[in-house]
Amino acid sequence: MPSQLYRLVFFCRYCWKAQGKIKHRHIAGGNVRSQLAQHRKGEVEIAIADGQSPVEIEKLIRSWR
């Protein structure tokens, strides 16, 4: 039986394909239950819908550090 110390925690990542490889960037703000992480995920989704390039979206994510 697993100990209570081990919990499954999920985090948001932005993934894109560049030069035949899949790249990813962790979206800072905590796990998926965090309101901050959910807000930032929403900002990334808006940027994708607006047609921003992966480089621009990665800069947005890096600005949150």
N, C-alpha and C. Protein backbone atom coordinates (compact mmCIF):
# COMPACT_ATOMS: atom_id res chain seq x y z
N MET A 1 0.84 -1.18 0.00
CA MET A 1 0.00 0.00 0.00
C MET A 1 0.89 1.25 0.00
N PRO A 2 0.67 2.17 -0.93
CA PRO A 2 1.52 3.36 -1.01
C PRO A 2 1.35 4.26 0.21
N SER A 3 2.42 4.91 0.55
CA SER A 3 2.42 5.84 1.68
C SER A 3 1.68 7.11 1.28
N GLN A 4 1.20 7.85 2.27
CA GLN A 4 0.54 9.13 2.03
C GLN A 4 1.53 10.17 1.52
N LEU A 5 2.82 9.91 1.64
CA LEU A 5 3.81 10.87 1.17
C LEU A 5 3.85 10.97 -0.35
N TYR A 6 3.38 9.94 -1.02
CA TYR A 6 3.42 9.91 -2.47
C TYR A 6 2.05 10.30 -3.02
N ARG A 7 2.00 11.43 -3.72
CA ARG A 7 0.77 11.88 -4.35
C ARG A 7 1.04 12.15 -5.82
N LEU A 8 0.05 11.93 -6.63
CA LEU A 8 0.18 12.30 -8.03
C LEU A 8 -0.13 13.79 -8.16
N VAL A 9 0.79 14.52 -8.74
CA VAL A 9 0.61 15.94 -8.96
C VAL A 9 0.84 16.22 -10.44
N PHE A 10 -0.05 16.95 -11.04
CA PHE A 10 0.03 17.24 -12.47
C PHE A 10 0.36 18.71 -12.69
N PHE A 11 1.20 18.98 -13.68
CA PHE A 11 1.61 20.33 -14.01
C PHE A 11 1.29 20.62 -15.47
N CYS A 12 1.17 21.90 -15.80
CA CYS A 12 0.89 22.31 -17.17
C CYS A 12 2.20 22.51 -17.93
N ARG A 13 2.21 22.07 -19.19
CA ARG A 13 3.36 22.29 -20.07
C ARG A 13 2.85 22.75 -21.42
N TYR A 14 3.62 23.61 -22.06
CA TYR A 14 3.35 24.02 -23.43
C TYR A 14 4.29 23.19 -24.31
N CYS A 15 3.74 22.46 -25.28
CA CYS A 15 4.54 21.61 -26.15
C CYS A 15 4.38 22.06 -27.60
N TRP A 16 5.47 22.01 -28.35
CA TRP A 16 5.44 22.34 -29.76
C TRP A 16 6.51 21.53 -30.47
N LYS A 17 6.38 21.45 -31.79
CA LYS A 17 7.33 20.68 -32.58
C LYS A 17 8.21 21.65 -33.36
N ALA A 18 9.52 21.47 -33.24
CA ALA A 18 10.49 22.32 -33.96
C ALA A 18 11.61 21.45 -34.49
N GLN A 19 11.89 21.58 -35.75
CA GLN A 19 12.95 20.84 -36.41
C GLN A 19 12.83 19.33 -36.19
N GLY A 20 11.61 18.84 -36.23
CA GLY A 20 11.37 17.40 -36.11
C GLY A 20 11.40 16.86 -34.69
N LYS A 21 11.58 17.75 -33.71
CA LYS A 21 11.62 17.31 -32.31
C LYS A 21 10.50 17.99 -31.52
N ILE A 22 9.96 17.28 -30.55
CA ILE A 22 8.95 17.86 -29.67
C ILE A 22 9.65 18.55 -28.52
N LYS A 23 9.36 19.83 -28.36
CA LYS A 23 9.95 20.62 -27.28
C LYS A 23 8.83 20.97 -26.30
N HIS A 24 9.21 21.27 -25.06
CA HIS A 24 8.19 21.66 -24.08
C HIS A 24 8.77 22.64 -23.09
N ARG A 25 7.87 23.42 -22.50
CA ARG A 25 8.24 24.40 -21.48
C ARG A 25 7.20 24.31 -20.36
N HIS A 26 7.67 24.16 -19.15
CA HIS A 26 6.80 24.10 -17.98
C HIS A 26 6.14 25.46 -17.77
N ILE A 27 4.84 25.48 -17.52
CA ILE A 27 4.13 26.72 -17.22
C ILE A 27 4.16 26.90 -15.70
N ALA A 28 4.91 27.89 -15.25
CA ALA A 28 5.08 28.12 -13.81
C ALA A 28 3.76 28.53 -13.17
N GLY A 29 3.62 28.22 -11.91
CA GLY A 29 2.42 28.61 -11.19
C GLY A 29 1.86 27.52 -10.30
N GLY A 30 2.53 26.38 -10.27
CA GLY A 30 2.06 25.29 -9.42
C GLY A 30 1.35 24.22 -10.22
N ASN A 31 0.65 23.34 -9.51
CA ASN A 31 -0.02 22.24 -10.19
C ASN A 31 -1.31 22.71 -10.83
N VAL A 32 -2.00 21.82 -11.52
CA VAL A 32 -3.17 22.19 -12.31
C VAL A 32 -4.33 22.68 -11.45
N ARG A 33 -4.31 22.43 -10.16
CA ARG A 33 -5.37 22.92 -9.28
C ARG A 33 -5.18 24.38 -8.88
N SER A 34 -3.99 24.90 -9.07
CA SER A 34 -3.66 26.27 -8.69
C SER A 34 -4.36 27.27 -9.61
N GLN A 35 -4.96 28.30 -9.03
CA GLN A 35 -5.62 29.32 -9.84
C GLN A 35 -4.61 30.07 -10.71
N LEU A 36 -3.41 30.30 -10.18
CA LEU A 36 -2.38 30.99 -10.96
C LEU A 36 -2.01 30.17 -12.19
N ALA A 37 -1.81 28.87 -12.01
CA ALA A 37 -1.47 28.00 -13.14
C ALA A 37 -2.60 27.96 -14.16
N GLN A 38 -3.84 27.92 -13.69
CA GLN A 38 -4.98 27.90 -14.60
C GLN A 38 -5.07 29.21 -15.38
N HIS A 39 -4.79 30.33 -14.72
CA HIS A 39 -4.82 31.63 -15.39
C HIS A 39 -3.74 31.69 -16.48
N ARG A 40 -2.53 31.25 -16.13
CA ARG A 40 -1.43 31.29 -17.10
C ARG A 40 -1.68 30.34 -18.26
N LYS A 41 -2.26 29.18 -17.98
CA LYS A 41 -2.63 28.24 -19.05
C LYS A 41 -3.62 28.90 -20.00
N GLY A 42 -4.56 29.65 -19.44
CA GLY A 42 -5.52 30.37 -20.26
C GLY A 42 -4.84 31.41 -21.14
N GLU A 43 -3.84 32.10 -20.60
CA GLU A 43 -3.10 33.09 -21.40
C GLU A 43 -2.37 32.42 -22.56
N VAL A 44 -1.80 31.24 -22.31
CA VAL A 44 -1.12 30.50 -23.38
C VAL A 44 -2.12 30.07 -24.44
N GLU A 45 -3.29 29.61 -24.02
CA GLU A 45 -4.31 29.19 -24.98
C GLU A 45 -4.77 30.36 -25.84
N ILE A 46 -4.88 31.56 -25.24
CA ILE A 46 -5.26 32.75 -26.00
C ILE A 46 -4.17 33.10 -27.01
N ALA A 47 -2.91 33.00 -26.59
CA ALA A 47 -1.80 33.29 -27.49
C ALA A 47 -1.79 32.33 -28.67
N ILE A 48 -2.10 31.06 -28.42
CA ILE A 48 -2.17 30.06 -29.49
C ILE A 48 -3.30 30.43 -30.45
N ALA A 49 -4.47 30.78 -29.90
CA ALA A 49 -5.62 31.13 -30.72
C ALA A 49 -5.36 32.39 -31.55
N ASP A 50 -4.55 33.31 -31.01
CA ASP A 50 -4.21 34.54 -31.73
C ASP A 50 -3.19 34.30 -32.84
N GLY A 51 -2.63 33.11 -32.89
CA GLY A 51 -1.68 32.77 -33.95
C GLY A 51 -0.25 33.17 -33.65
N GLN A 52 0.08 33.39 -32.38
CA GLN A 52 1.46 33.73 -32.03
C GLN A 52 2.37 32.53 -32.30
N SER A 53 3.62 32.83 -32.62
CA SER A 53 4.58 31.77 -32.92
C SER A 53 5.03 31.08 -31.63
N PRO A 54 5.54 29.86 -31.73
CA PRO A 54 6.05 29.17 -30.54
C PRO A 54 7.14 29.96 -29.81
N VAL A 55 7.96 30.70 -30.56
CA VAL A 55 9.02 31.50 -29.94
C VAL A 55 8.41 32.60 -29.07
N GLU A 56 7.36 33.26 -29.58
CA GLU A 56 6.68 34.31 -28.81
C GLU A 56 6.01 33.75 -27.57
N ILE A 57 5.41 32.58 -27.69
CA ILE A 57 4.73 31.96 -26.55
C ILE A 57 5.76 31.53 -25.51
N GLU A 58 6.89 31.01 -25.96
CA GLU A 58 7.94 30.62 -25.02
C GLU A 58 8.46 31.84 -24.27
N LYS A 59 8.61 32.98 -24.94
CA LYS A 59 9.04 34.21 -24.27
C LYS A 59 8.01 34.64 -23.22
N LEU A 60 6.73 34.49 -23.53
CA LEU A 60 5.67 34.80 -22.57
C LEU A 60 5.80 33.93 -21.33
N ILE A 61 6.01 32.63 -21.52
CA ILE A 61 6.14 31.70 -20.40
C ILE A 61 7.38 32.01 -19.58
N ARG A 62 8.50 32.31 -20.26
CA ARG A 62 9.73 32.63 -19.54
C ARG A 62 9.61 33.92 -18.73
N SER A 63 8.74 34.84 -19.16
CA SER A 63 8.58 36.11 -18.44
C SER A 63 7.94 35.91 -17.07
N TRP A 64 7.31 34.76 -16.85
CA TRP A 64 6.65 34.49 -15.57
C TRP A 64 7.61 33.98 -14.51
N ARG A 65 8.85 33.74 -14.84
CA ARG A 65 9.81 33.22 -13.87
C ARG A 65 10.19 34.26 -12.88
